C-alpha cells in the first residue's frame, strides 16, 4: 500500500529561474564595466586627494572633465565618494552575473530585488545627470559609463523578473528596449543642448 505524496501548490513555493545565456552574459559584462568604471573613479579620486596638481585621466576637454565633478559636494552625497557605492553595487551585479552564466537558478524574489535596487540606482543616476548638466556644468566620462550601464541593467533585470504575458507588465516587457533607446536619445539631446555653444566651436 503506497501513500501518495501531498500535492504541492506551485504558487506556494518561490519560483526559481536561470536566465537565458544572452541575458546572463549581458548582466556579467555590464557588471564588469560598471565595476571597472567605479574602481577607476575611486583611484582617480584618491590620486587627486593625495596630489592637488594631479590631472585625472578623464579630463578630456572643458565639458568632458571629471576633475571639477569630483571636487563637488554632489560627488560625495553620503560623506564618502560616490564610486564606493558603485563598487559595492556592481560587485553584487558581477556575482549575480557569474551565477547566471553558470546556470545557477535564483528565486524570482531575488531578481525582483535586483530590479528594486537598480531602480534606486537609476533614480540616483537621474539626480546626478541633473546636477552635472545644470549645477556643476561638466560631465564625468566614467560617471556617464555608470549611468548607461545602470539603465541597461535595469532593463535586463526587469526583463528577467517580469511576467511577459500579463497586462502592463507584458507591455513594458515587449517595449523595454525601445524605452531604453528613447532614454539614451533624450540624455544625448540634453547634453547637446546644454553644451551646444562648446560643441559648435568644434565644427
N, C-alpha and C. Protein backbone atom coordinates (compact mmCIF):
# COMPACT_ATOMS: atom_id res chain seq x y z
N UNK A 1 0.85 -1.20 0.00
CA UNK A 1 0.00 0.00 0.00
C UNK A 1 0.88 1.24 0.00
N UNK A 2 0.69 2.06 -0.98
CA UNK A 2 1.53 3.27 -1.09
C UNK A 2 0.74 4.50 -0.66
N UNK A 3 1.46 5.39 -0.10
CA UNK A 3 0.85 6.65 0.34
C UNK A 3 1.27 7.75 -0.61
N UNK A 4 0.30 8.36 -1.23
CA UNK A 4 0.60 9.42 -2.20
C UNK A 4 1.16 10.64 -1.50
N UNK A 5 2.14 11.23 -2.10
CA UNK A 5 2.72 12.46 -1.54
C UNK A 5 1.73 13.58 -1.69
N UNK A 6 1.64 14.43 -0.67
CA UNK A 6 0.69 15.55 -0.75
C UNK A 6 1.04 16.46 -1.91
N UNK A 7 0.01 16.94 -2.57
CA UNK A 7 0.22 17.85 -3.70
C UNK A 7 0.80 19.16 -3.21
N UNK A 8 1.71 19.68 -3.96
CA UNK A 8 2.35 20.95 -3.62
C UNK A 8 1.82 22.02 -4.54
N UNK A 9 1.31 23.05 -3.95
CA UNK A 9 0.80 24.18 -4.73
C UNK A 9 1.97 24.97 -5.28
N UNK A 10 2.15 25.04 -6.60
CA UNK A 10 3.29 25.79 -7.16
C UNK A 10 3.31 27.23 -6.70
N UNK A 11 2.14 27.81 -6.47
CA UNK A 11 2.09 29.22 -6.06
C UNK A 11 2.64 29.41 -4.66
N UNK A 12 2.69 28.30 -3.89
CA UNK A 12 3.15 28.43 -2.51
C UNK A 12 4.65 28.36 -2.40
N UNK A 13 5.35 27.96 -3.46
CA UNK A 13 6.80 27.86 -3.43
C UNK A 13 7.39 28.92 -4.34
N UNK A 14 8.49 29.51 -3.92
CA UNK A 14 9.09 30.55 -4.73
C UNK A 14 9.66 29.97 -6.02
N UNK A 15 9.31 30.61 -7.14
CA UNK A 15 9.82 30.15 -8.43
C UNK A 15 11.29 30.50 -8.56
N UNK A 16 12.06 29.54 -9.07
CA UNK A 16 13.48 29.78 -9.33
C UNK A 16 13.71 29.75 -10.82
N UNK A 17 14.65 30.53 -11.27
CA UNK A 17 14.90 30.58 -12.69
C UNK A 17 16.33 30.99 -12.97
N UNK A 18 16.86 30.44 -14.04
CA UNK A 18 18.16 30.85 -14.54
C UNK A 18 17.93 31.53 -15.88
N UNK A 19 18.33 32.78 -16.04
CA UNK A 19 18.07 33.49 -17.30
C UNK A 19 18.78 32.85 -18.47
N UNK A 20 18.28 33.12 -19.66
CA UNK A 20 18.91 32.63 -20.87
C UNK A 20 20.34 33.15 -20.98
N UNK A 21 21.18 32.41 -21.70
CA UNK A 21 22.60 32.74 -21.78
C UNK A 21 22.87 34.19 -22.22
N UNK A 22 22.19 34.74 -23.25
CA UNK A 22 22.48 36.13 -23.63
C UNK A 22 22.24 37.12 -22.49
N UNK A 23 21.14 36.92 -21.75
CA UNK A 23 20.86 37.82 -20.63
C UNK A 23 21.90 37.62 -19.52
N UNK A 24 22.26 36.38 -19.25
CA UNK A 24 23.24 36.11 -18.21
C UNK A 24 24.57 36.78 -18.52
N UNK A 25 25.02 36.63 -19.75
CA UNK A 25 26.29 37.26 -20.14
C UNK A 25 26.17 38.79 -20.14
N UNK A 26 25.01 39.30 -20.51
CA UNK A 26 24.80 40.76 -20.50
C UNK A 26 24.92 41.30 -19.09
N UNK A 27 24.34 40.58 -18.10
CA UNK A 27 24.44 41.00 -16.70
C UNK A 27 25.90 41.01 -16.27
N UNK A 28 26.63 39.94 -16.59
CA UNK A 28 28.03 39.85 -16.18
C UNK A 28 28.88 40.93 -16.83
N UNK A 29 28.73 41.11 -18.13
CA UNK A 29 29.55 42.11 -18.84
C UNK A 29 29.23 43.52 -18.35
N UNK A 30 27.94 43.84 -18.19
CA UNK A 30 27.56 45.17 -17.70
C UNK A 30 28.09 45.39 -16.29
N UNK A 31 28.03 44.35 -15.47
CA UNK A 31 28.55 44.47 -14.10
C UNK A 31 30.04 44.73 -14.08
N UNK A 32 30.78 44.03 -14.95
CA UNK A 32 32.23 44.23 -15.02
C UNK A 32 32.56 45.65 -15.48
N UNK A 33 31.83 46.13 -16.49
CA UNK A 33 32.07 47.50 -16.99
C UNK A 33 31.78 48.53 -15.89
N UNK A 34 30.65 48.37 -15.21
CA UNK A 34 30.31 49.30 -14.13
C UNK A 34 31.31 49.26 -13.00
N UNK A 35 31.76 48.05 -12.65
CA UNK A 35 32.74 47.90 -11.57
C UNK A 35 34.07 48.53 -11.96
N UNK A 36 34.49 48.32 -13.20
CA UNK A 36 35.75 48.90 -13.67
C UNK A 36 35.69 50.43 -13.63
N UNK A 37 34.56 50.99 -14.07
CA UNK A 37 34.41 52.45 -14.05
C UNK A 37 34.43 52.97 -12.62
N UNK A 38 33.77 52.28 -11.70
CA UNK A 38 33.71 52.72 -10.31
C UNK A 38 35.09 52.64 -9.65
N UNK A 39 35.82 51.55 -9.91
CA UNK A 39 37.17 51.40 -9.35
C UNK A 39 38.09 52.48 -9.90
N UNK A 40 38.00 52.74 -11.21
CA UNK A 40 38.84 53.76 -11.83
C UNK A 40 38.56 55.14 -11.23
N UNK A 41 37.29 55.45 -11.05
CA UNK A 41 36.92 56.73 -10.44
C UNK A 41 37.46 56.84 -9.02
N UNK A 42 37.39 55.75 -8.27
CA UNK A 42 37.90 55.76 -6.90
C UNK A 42 39.40 56.00 -6.88
N UNK A 43 40.12 55.33 -7.77
CA UNK A 43 41.58 55.52 -7.86
C UNK A 43 41.90 56.96 -8.23
N UNK A 44 41.16 57.50 -9.20
CA UNK A 44 41.39 58.89 -9.62
C UNK A 44 41.13 59.86 -8.47
N UNK A 45 40.08 59.59 -7.69
CA UNK A 45 39.76 60.45 -6.54
C UNK A 45 40.87 60.40 -5.51
N UNK A 46 41.39 59.22 -5.22
CA UNK A 46 42.47 59.08 -4.25
C UNK A 46 43.73 59.82 -4.72
N UNK A 47 44.05 59.66 -5.99
CA UNK A 47 45.24 60.35 -6.52
C UNK A 47 45.07 61.86 -6.48
N UNK A 48 43.84 62.32 -6.71
CA UNK A 48 43.57 63.76 -6.66
C UNK A 48 43.68 64.28 -5.23
N UNK A 49 43.25 63.47 -4.26
CA UNK A 49 43.33 63.88 -2.86
C UNK A 49 44.78 63.92 -2.36
N UNK A 50 45.60 63.03 -2.88
CA UNK A 50 46.99 62.96 -2.42
C UNK A 50 47.92 63.88 -3.20
N UNK A 51 47.47 64.36 -4.35
CA UNK A 51 48.29 65.25 -5.17
C UNK A 51 47.39 66.28 -5.83
N UNK A 52 47.39 67.48 -5.28
CA UNK A 52 46.48 68.53 -5.77
C UNK A 52 46.78 68.92 -7.21
N UNK A 53 47.99 68.65 -7.69
CA UNK A 53 48.36 69.02 -9.05
C UNK A 53 48.05 67.91 -10.06
N UNK A 54 47.55 66.80 -9.57
CA UNK A 54 47.27 65.66 -10.46
C UNK A 54 46.12 65.99 -11.40
N UNK A 55 46.28 65.64 -12.67
CA UNK A 55 45.23 65.85 -13.66
C UNK A 55 44.61 64.50 -13.99
N UNK A 56 43.36 64.28 -13.64
CA UNK A 56 42.72 62.98 -13.89
C UNK A 56 42.73 62.61 -15.36
N UNK A 57 42.81 61.31 -15.62
CA UNK A 57 42.86 60.82 -16.99
C UNK A 57 41.58 61.11 -17.77
N UNK A 58 40.50 61.40 -17.03
CA UNK A 58 39.21 61.65 -17.69
C UNK A 58 38.97 63.14 -17.94
N UNK A 59 39.97 63.97 -17.73
CA UNK A 59 39.87 65.39 -18.09
C UNK A 59 40.20 65.53 -19.57
N UNK A 60 39.19 65.46 -20.42
CA UNK A 60 39.41 65.44 -21.86
C UNK A 60 39.28 66.82 -22.50
N UNK A 61 38.35 67.63 -22.00
CA UNK A 61 38.13 68.98 -22.51
C UNK A 61 37.29 69.74 -21.48
N UNK A 62 36.95 71.00 -21.74
CA UNK A 62 36.19 71.76 -20.74
C UNK A 62 34.85 71.15 -20.34
N UNK A 63 34.26 70.36 -21.21
CA UNK A 63 32.96 69.74 -20.89
C UNK A 63 33.13 68.36 -20.31
N UNK A 64 33.88 67.50 -20.99
CA UNK A 64 34.14 66.14 -20.52
C UNK A 64 35.34 66.17 -19.60
N UNK A 65 35.08 66.41 -18.33
CA UNK A 65 36.15 66.61 -17.35
C UNK A 65 35.67 66.17 -15.98
N UNK A 66 36.25 65.09 -15.46
CA UNK A 66 35.76 64.58 -14.17
C UNK A 66 36.41 65.27 -12.98
N UNK A 67 37.53 65.99 -13.21
CA UNK A 67 38.18 66.68 -12.11
C UNK A 67 37.26 67.66 -11.39
N UNK A 68 36.62 68.58 -12.13
CA UNK A 68 35.69 69.50 -11.47
C UNK A 68 34.51 68.81 -10.81
N UNK A 69 34.08 67.69 -11.39
CA UNK A 69 32.94 66.96 -10.82
C UNK A 69 33.32 66.32 -9.50
N UNK A 70 34.51 65.71 -9.43
CA UNK A 70 34.94 65.00 -8.22
C UNK A 70 35.16 65.94 -7.04
N UNK A 71 35.35 67.23 -7.32
CA UNK A 71 35.58 68.18 -6.24
C UNK A 71 34.32 68.80 -5.68
N UNK A 72 33.16 68.38 -6.15
CA UNK A 72 31.89 68.96 -5.71
C UNK A 72 31.24 68.14 -4.59
N UNK A 73 30.36 68.77 -3.81
CA UNK A 73 29.63 68.02 -2.77
C UNK A 73 28.78 66.89 -3.35
N UNK A 74 28.29 67.07 -4.58
CA UNK A 74 27.45 66.04 -5.20
C UNK A 74 28.21 64.74 -5.43
N UNK A 75 29.55 64.82 -5.45
CA UNK A 75 30.36 63.63 -5.69
C UNK A 75 30.54 62.78 -4.43
N UNK A 76 30.08 63.31 -3.30
CA UNK A 76 30.19 62.58 -2.03
C UNK A 76 28.90 62.77 -1.24
N UNK A 77 27.82 62.27 -1.78
CA UNK A 77 26.49 62.53 -1.21
C UNK A 77 26.36 62.02 0.22
N UNK A 78 26.93 60.85 0.50
CA UNK A 78 26.79 60.25 1.83
C UNK A 78 28.02 60.49 2.71
N UNK A 79 28.88 61.42 2.29
CA UNK A 79 30.05 61.73 3.08
C UNK A 79 31.31 61.01 2.62
N UNK A 80 31.17 60.13 1.65
CA UNK A 80 32.31 59.44 1.05
C UNK A 80 32.09 59.41 -0.46
N UNK A 81 33.14 59.20 -1.24
CA UNK A 81 33.00 59.26 -2.71
C UNK A 81 31.92 58.31 -3.24
N UNK A 82 31.09 58.83 -4.12
CA UNK A 82 30.02 58.02 -4.71
C UNK A 82 30.50 56.72 -5.35
N UNK A 83 31.70 56.70 -5.98
CA UNK A 83 32.14 55.46 -6.62
C UNK A 83 32.25 54.27 -5.66
N UNK A 84 32.42 54.54 -4.37
CA UNK A 84 32.48 53.43 -3.42
C UNK A 84 31.14 52.70 -3.37
N UNK A 85 30.05 53.45 -3.50
CA UNK A 85 28.74 52.80 -3.60
C UNK A 85 28.66 51.97 -4.87
N UNK A 86 29.24 52.49 -5.95
CA UNK A 86 29.25 51.76 -7.20
C UNK A 86 30.03 50.47 -7.10
N UNK A 87 31.16 50.50 -6.38
CA UNK A 87 31.96 49.28 -6.22
C UNK A 87 31.15 48.19 -5.53
N UNK A 88 30.44 48.57 -4.47
CA UNK A 88 29.62 47.59 -3.74
C UNK A 88 28.49 47.08 -4.63
N UNK A 89 27.77 48.00 -5.27
CA UNK A 89 26.61 47.62 -6.07
C UNK A 89 27.01 46.75 -7.26
N UNK A 90 28.07 47.15 -7.98
CA UNK A 90 28.44 46.40 -9.17
C UNK A 90 29.13 45.07 -8.82
N UNK A 91 29.70 44.98 -7.63
CA UNK A 91 30.22 43.68 -7.19
C UNK A 91 29.08 42.68 -7.05
N UNK A 92 27.96 43.15 -6.50
CA UNK A 92 26.77 42.29 -6.40
C UNK A 92 26.30 41.88 -7.78
N UNK A 93 26.32 42.82 -8.71
CA UNK A 93 25.88 42.53 -10.09
C UNK A 93 26.81 41.50 -10.73
N UNK A 94 28.12 41.66 -10.54
CA UNK A 94 29.08 40.72 -11.13
C UNK A 94 28.86 39.32 -10.56
N UNK A 95 28.68 39.22 -9.24
CA UNK A 95 28.42 37.91 -8.63
C UNK A 95 27.14 37.31 -9.20
N UNK A 96 26.11 38.13 -9.34
CA UNK A 96 24.86 37.66 -9.92
C UNK A 96 25.08 37.18 -11.35
N UNK A 97 25.88 37.93 -12.11
CA UNK A 97 26.17 37.53 -13.48
C UNK A 97 26.91 36.21 -13.55
N UNK A 98 27.85 36.01 -12.64
CA UNK A 98 28.60 34.73 -12.61
C UNK A 98 27.65 33.58 -12.31
N UNK A 99 26.76 33.77 -11.34
CA UNK A 99 25.79 32.73 -11.01
C UNK A 99 24.88 32.44 -12.20
N UNK A 100 24.47 33.51 -12.88
CA UNK A 100 23.57 33.33 -14.02
C UNK A 100 24.26 32.61 -15.18
N UNK A 101 25.50 32.98 -15.45
CA UNK A 101 26.25 32.35 -16.54
C UNK A 101 26.48 30.87 -16.26
N UNK A 102 26.68 30.53 -14.99
CA UNK A 102 26.91 29.12 -14.62
C UNK A 102 25.60 28.36 -14.39
N UNK A 103 24.49 28.97 -14.80
CA UNK A 103 23.18 28.32 -14.78
C UNK A 103 22.66 28.02 -13.37
N UNK A 104 23.07 28.81 -12.40
CA UNK A 104 22.52 28.67 -11.05
C UNK A 104 21.15 29.33 -11.02
N UNK A 105 20.13 28.57 -10.63
CA UNK A 105 18.77 29.12 -10.58
C UNK A 105 18.59 29.97 -9.33
N UNK A 106 18.11 31.17 -9.52
CA UNK A 106 17.87 32.08 -8.41
C UNK A 106 16.37 32.33 -8.31
N UNK A 107 15.84 32.45 -7.08
CA UNK A 107 14.40 32.68 -6.93
C UNK A 107 13.96 33.99 -7.55
N UNK A 108 12.71 34.03 -7.95
CA UNK A 108 12.19 35.22 -8.61
C UNK A 108 12.29 36.44 -7.71
N UNK A 109 12.13 36.23 -6.39
CA UNK A 109 12.21 37.38 -5.48
C UNK A 109 13.60 38.02 -5.53
N UNK A 110 14.61 37.21 -5.84
CA UNK A 110 15.96 37.77 -5.94
C UNK A 110 16.04 38.73 -7.12
N UNK A 111 15.49 38.30 -8.27
CA UNK A 111 15.51 39.17 -9.45
C UNK A 111 14.65 40.40 -9.25
N UNK A 112 13.53 40.25 -8.54
CA UNK A 112 12.70 41.42 -8.22
C UNK A 112 13.50 42.38 -7.33
N UNK A 113 14.26 41.82 -6.39
CA UNK A 113 15.11 42.66 -5.54
C UNK A 113 16.17 43.39 -6.34
N UNK A 114 16.73 42.71 -7.35
CA UNK A 114 17.72 43.37 -8.21
C UNK A 114 17.09 44.50 -9.00
N UNK A 115 15.84 44.29 -9.43
CA UNK A 115 15.12 45.36 -10.12
C UNK A 115 14.93 46.56 -9.19
N UNK A 116 14.51 46.28 -7.96
CA UNK A 116 14.27 47.36 -6.99
C UNK A 116 15.56 48.13 -6.70
N UNK A 117 16.65 47.39 -6.47
CA UNK A 117 17.92 48.04 -6.18
C UNK A 117 18.42 48.86 -7.35
N UNK A 118 18.29 48.32 -8.56
CA UNK A 118 18.73 49.04 -9.75
C UNK A 118 17.84 50.25 -10.01
N UNK A 119 16.56 50.14 -9.66
CA UNK A 119 15.65 51.27 -9.83
C UNK A 119 16.07 52.43 -8.92
N UNK A 120 16.48 52.10 -7.69
CA UNK A 120 17.01 53.14 -6.79
C UNK A 120 18.27 53.77 -7.40
N UNK A 121 19.13 52.90 -7.94
CA UNK A 121 20.33 53.41 -8.60
C UNK A 121 20.01 54.31 -9.78
N UNK A 122 18.98 53.93 -10.54
CA UNK A 122 18.57 54.75 -11.69
C UNK A 122 18.06 56.11 -11.24
N UNK A 123 17.33 56.13 -10.12
CA UNK A 123 16.88 57.41 -9.58
C UNK A 123 18.05 58.30 -9.21
N UNK A 124 19.07 57.70 -8.58
CA UNK A 124 20.28 58.44 -8.21
C UNK A 124 21.00 58.93 -9.45
N UNK A 125 21.04 58.10 -10.49
CA UNK A 125 21.68 58.47 -11.75
C UNK A 125 21.01 59.71 -12.34
N UNK A 126 19.69 59.75 -12.32
CA UNK A 126 19.00 60.90 -12.90
C UNK A 126 19.26 62.18 -12.09
N UNK A 127 19.38 62.04 -10.79
CA UNK A 127 19.74 63.20 -9.97
C UNK A 127 21.14 63.68 -10.35
N UNK A 128 22.07 62.75 -10.55
CA UNK A 128 23.43 63.12 -10.93
C UNK A 128 23.47 63.75 -12.31
N UNK A 129 22.64 63.26 -13.22
CA UNK A 129 22.58 63.85 -14.56
C UNK A 129 22.15 65.31 -14.46
N UNK A 130 21.11 65.56 -13.67
CA UNK A 130 20.63 66.93 -13.50
C UNK A 130 21.72 67.80 -12.89
N UNK A 131 22.38 67.30 -11.84
CA UNK A 131 23.43 68.08 -11.18
C UNK A 131 24.59 68.37 -12.14
N UNK A 132 24.98 67.36 -12.93
CA UNK A 132 26.10 67.54 -13.86
C UNK A 132 25.78 68.57 -14.93
N UNK A 133 24.55 68.51 -15.45
CA UNK A 133 24.18 69.40 -16.55
C UNK A 133 23.91 70.82 -16.09
N UNK A 134 23.18 70.97 -15.00
CA UNK A 134 22.63 72.29 -14.67
C UNK A 134 23.17 72.91 -13.38
N UNK A 135 24.00 72.20 -12.64
CA UNK A 135 24.59 72.77 -11.43
C UNK A 135 26.11 72.80 -11.53
N UNK A 136 26.72 71.70 -11.93
CA UNK A 136 28.18 71.62 -12.00
C UNK A 136 28.69 72.15 -13.33
N UNK A 137 27.98 71.83 -14.41
CA UNK A 137 28.38 72.31 -15.73
C UNK A 137 29.55 71.55 -16.33
N UNK A 138 29.67 70.27 -15.98
CA UNK A 138 30.72 69.42 -16.54
C UNK A 138 30.24 67.98 -16.50
N UNK A 139 30.83 67.15 -17.36
CA UNK A 139 30.44 65.75 -17.43
C UNK A 139 31.64 64.86 -17.15
N UNK A 140 31.45 63.90 -16.28
CA UNK A 140 32.49 62.93 -15.96
C UNK A 140 32.32 61.72 -16.87
N UNK A 141 33.27 61.44 -17.77
CA UNK A 141 33.12 60.32 -18.70
C UNK A 141 32.88 58.98 -18.01
N UNK A 142 33.64 58.70 -16.94
CA UNK A 142 33.45 57.43 -16.24
C UNK A 142 32.08 57.37 -15.58
N UNK A 143 31.62 58.50 -15.08
CA UNK A 143 30.28 58.55 -14.49
C UNK A 143 29.22 58.25 -15.55
N UNK A 144 29.43 58.76 -16.74
CA UNK A 144 28.47 58.54 -17.82
C UNK A 144 28.41 57.06 -18.20
N UNK A 145 29.55 56.38 -18.09
CA UNK A 145 29.55 54.93 -18.32
C UNK A 145 28.66 54.24 -17.29
N UNK A 146 28.79 54.67 -16.04
CA UNK A 146 27.97 54.10 -14.96
C UNK A 146 26.49 54.40 -15.21
N UNK A 147 26.18 55.61 -15.66
CA UNK A 147 24.78 55.95 -15.97
C UNK A 147 24.22 54.97 -16.99
N UNK A 148 24.97 54.79 -18.08
CA UNK A 148 24.48 53.94 -19.17
C UNK A 148 24.33 52.49 -18.72
N UNK A 149 25.30 51.99 -18.00
CA UNK A 149 25.26 50.60 -17.54
C UNK A 149 24.09 50.38 -16.58
N UNK A 150 23.84 51.35 -15.72
CA UNK A 150 22.74 51.23 -14.76
C UNK A 150 21.41 51.08 -15.49
N UNK A 151 21.20 51.90 -16.51
CA UNK A 151 19.93 51.83 -17.24
C UNK A 151 19.81 50.53 -18.03
N UNK A 152 20.90 50.06 -18.59
CA UNK A 152 20.87 48.78 -19.31
C UNK A 152 20.54 47.64 -18.35
N UNK A 153 21.17 47.66 -17.18
CA UNK A 153 20.91 46.62 -16.18
C UNK A 153 19.46 46.65 -15.70
N UNK A 154 18.91 47.84 -15.57
CA UNK A 154 17.52 47.95 -15.15
C UNK A 154 16.60 47.24 -16.15
N UNK A 155 16.87 47.45 -17.43
CA UNK A 155 16.06 46.80 -18.47
C UNK A 155 16.23 45.29 -18.43
N UNK A 156 17.48 44.83 -18.28
CA UNK A 156 17.74 43.39 -18.26
C UNK A 156 17.09 42.73 -17.05
N UNK A 157 17.30 43.30 -15.87
CA UNK A 157 16.72 42.71 -14.67
C UNK A 157 15.19 42.72 -14.73
N UNK A 158 14.62 43.80 -15.24
CA UNK A 158 13.17 43.86 -15.36
C UNK A 158 12.66 42.79 -16.31
N UNK A 159 13.42 42.54 -17.38
CA UNK A 159 13.03 41.51 -18.33
C UNK A 159 13.07 40.12 -17.71
N UNK A 160 14.06 39.88 -16.85
CA UNK A 160 14.17 38.57 -16.20
C UNK A 160 13.07 38.37 -15.17
N UNK A 161 12.76 39.43 -14.42
CA UNK A 161 11.82 39.29 -13.31
C UNK A 161 10.36 39.42 -13.70
N UNK A 162 10.09 40.03 -14.87
CA UNK A 162 8.70 40.32 -15.21
C UNK A 162 7.99 39.13 -15.82
N UNK A 163 6.68 39.21 -15.78
CA UNK A 163 5.83 38.24 -16.46
C UNK A 163 5.56 38.79 -17.85
N UNK A 164 6.02 38.08 -18.87
CA UNK A 164 5.96 38.61 -20.23
C UNK A 164 4.55 38.63 -20.80
N UNK A 165 3.61 37.97 -20.17
CA UNK A 165 2.31 37.77 -20.80
C UNK A 165 1.15 38.48 -20.11
N UNK A 166 1.43 39.27 -19.11
CA UNK A 166 0.33 39.83 -18.35
C UNK A 166 0.29 41.35 -18.40
N UNK A 167 -0.80 41.89 -18.86
CA UNK A 167 -1.14 43.31 -18.76
C UNK A 167 -0.02 44.27 -19.02
N UNK A 168 0.06 45.27 -18.13
CA UNK A 168 1.04 46.34 -18.29
C UNK A 168 2.45 45.79 -18.22
N UNK A 169 2.66 44.79 -17.35
CA UNK A 169 3.98 44.18 -17.23
C UNK A 169 4.43 43.62 -18.58
N UNK A 170 3.52 42.93 -19.26
CA UNK A 170 3.85 42.38 -20.57
C UNK A 170 4.13 43.46 -21.60
N UNK A 171 3.36 44.54 -21.56
CA UNK A 171 3.56 45.65 -22.49
C UNK A 171 4.93 46.29 -22.27
N UNK A 172 5.26 46.54 -21.00
CA UNK A 172 6.56 47.13 -20.70
C UNK A 172 7.69 46.20 -21.11
N UNK A 173 7.46 44.90 -20.93
CA UNK A 173 8.49 43.94 -21.31
C UNK A 173 8.75 43.97 -22.81
N UNK A 174 7.70 44.01 -23.59
CA UNK A 174 7.86 43.97 -25.04
C UNK A 174 8.53 45.23 -25.58
N UNK A 175 8.29 46.35 -24.93
CA UNK A 175 8.82 47.62 -25.42
C UNK A 175 10.00 48.13 -24.60
N UNK A 176 10.60 47.28 -23.79
CA UNK A 176 11.62 47.74 -22.84
C UNK A 176 12.84 48.35 -23.54
N UNK A 177 13.30 47.73 -24.62
CA UNK A 177 14.49 48.28 -25.27
C UNK A 177 14.17 49.54 -26.06
N UNK A 178 12.92 49.67 -26.50
CA UNK A 178 12.51 50.92 -27.14
C UNK A 178 12.56 52.07 -26.14
N UNK A 179 12.04 51.81 -24.92
CA UNK A 179 12.09 52.82 -23.87
C UNK A 179 13.54 53.17 -23.53
N UNK A 180 14.40 52.14 -23.48
CA UNK A 180 15.81 52.39 -23.18
C UNK A 180 16.46 53.24 -24.26
N UNK A 181 16.14 52.95 -25.53
CA UNK A 181 16.70 53.73 -26.63
C UNK A 181 16.24 55.18 -26.56
N UNK A 182 14.97 55.38 -26.23
CA UNK A 182 14.45 56.74 -26.10
C UNK A 182 15.15 57.48 -24.96
N UNK A 183 15.46 56.75 -23.89
CA UNK A 183 16.18 57.37 -22.76
C UNK A 183 17.55 57.85 -23.21
N UNK A 184 18.29 57.00 -23.92
CA UNK A 184 19.62 57.38 -24.39
C UNK A 184 19.55 58.57 -25.34
N UNK A 185 18.56 58.59 -26.20
CA UNK A 185 18.39 59.72 -27.12
C UNK A 185 18.10 61.00 -26.35
N UNK A 186 17.23 60.90 -25.34
CA UNK A 186 16.88 62.08 -24.54
C UNK A 186 18.10 62.64 -23.81
N UNK A 187 18.90 61.75 -23.21
CA UNK A 187 20.10 62.21 -22.50
C UNK A 187 21.08 62.85 -23.48
N UNK A 188 21.24 62.24 -24.64
CA UNK A 188 22.13 62.81 -25.66
C UNK A 188 21.68 64.21 -26.05
N UNK A 189 20.39 64.39 -26.27
CA UNK A 189 19.86 65.70 -26.65
C UNK A 189 20.07 66.72 -25.54
N UNK A 190 19.84 66.31 -24.29
CA UNK A 190 20.04 67.22 -23.16
C UNK A 190 21.50 67.67 -23.07
N UNK A 191 22.41 66.72 -23.26
CA UNK A 191 23.83 67.04 -23.21
C UNK A 191 24.20 67.99 -24.36
N UNK A 192 23.67 67.70 -25.54
CA UNK A 192 23.98 68.56 -26.69
C UNK A 192 23.46 69.98 -26.48
N UNK A 193 22.20 70.09 -26.03
CA UNK A 193 21.60 71.41 -25.85
C UNK A 193 22.28 72.19 -24.72
N UNK A 194 22.66 71.50 -23.65
CA UNK A 194 23.28 72.19 -22.52
C UNK A 194 24.64 72.76 -22.90
N UNK A 195 25.39 72.03 -23.72
CA UNK A 195 26.75 72.46 -24.05
C UNK A 195 26.91 72.75 -25.54
N UNK A 196 25.81 73.14 -26.17
CA UNK A 196 25.87 73.34 -27.63
C UNK A 196 26.85 74.43 -28.03
N UNK A 197 27.03 75.45 -27.22
CA UNK A 197 27.99 76.50 -27.55
C UNK A 197 29.39 75.94 -27.71
N UNK A 198 29.74 74.98 -26.84
CA UNK A 198 31.09 74.39 -26.94
C UNK A 198 31.16 73.43 -28.12
N UNK A 199 30.12 72.58 -28.28
CA UNK A 199 30.16 71.61 -29.39
C UNK A 199 30.28 72.32 -30.73
N UNK A 200 29.59 73.46 -30.87
CA UNK A 200 29.60 74.16 -32.15
C UNK A 200 30.97 74.75 -32.47
N UNK A 201 31.79 75.01 -31.45
CA UNK A 201 33.13 75.53 -31.69
C UNK A 201 34.05 74.45 -32.27
N UNK A 202 33.62 73.17 -32.16
CA UNK A 202 34.46 72.09 -32.66
C UNK A 202 34.25 71.82 -34.14
N UNK A 203 33.19 72.41 -34.71
CA UNK A 203 32.89 72.17 -36.12
C UNK A 203 33.69 73.10 -37.03
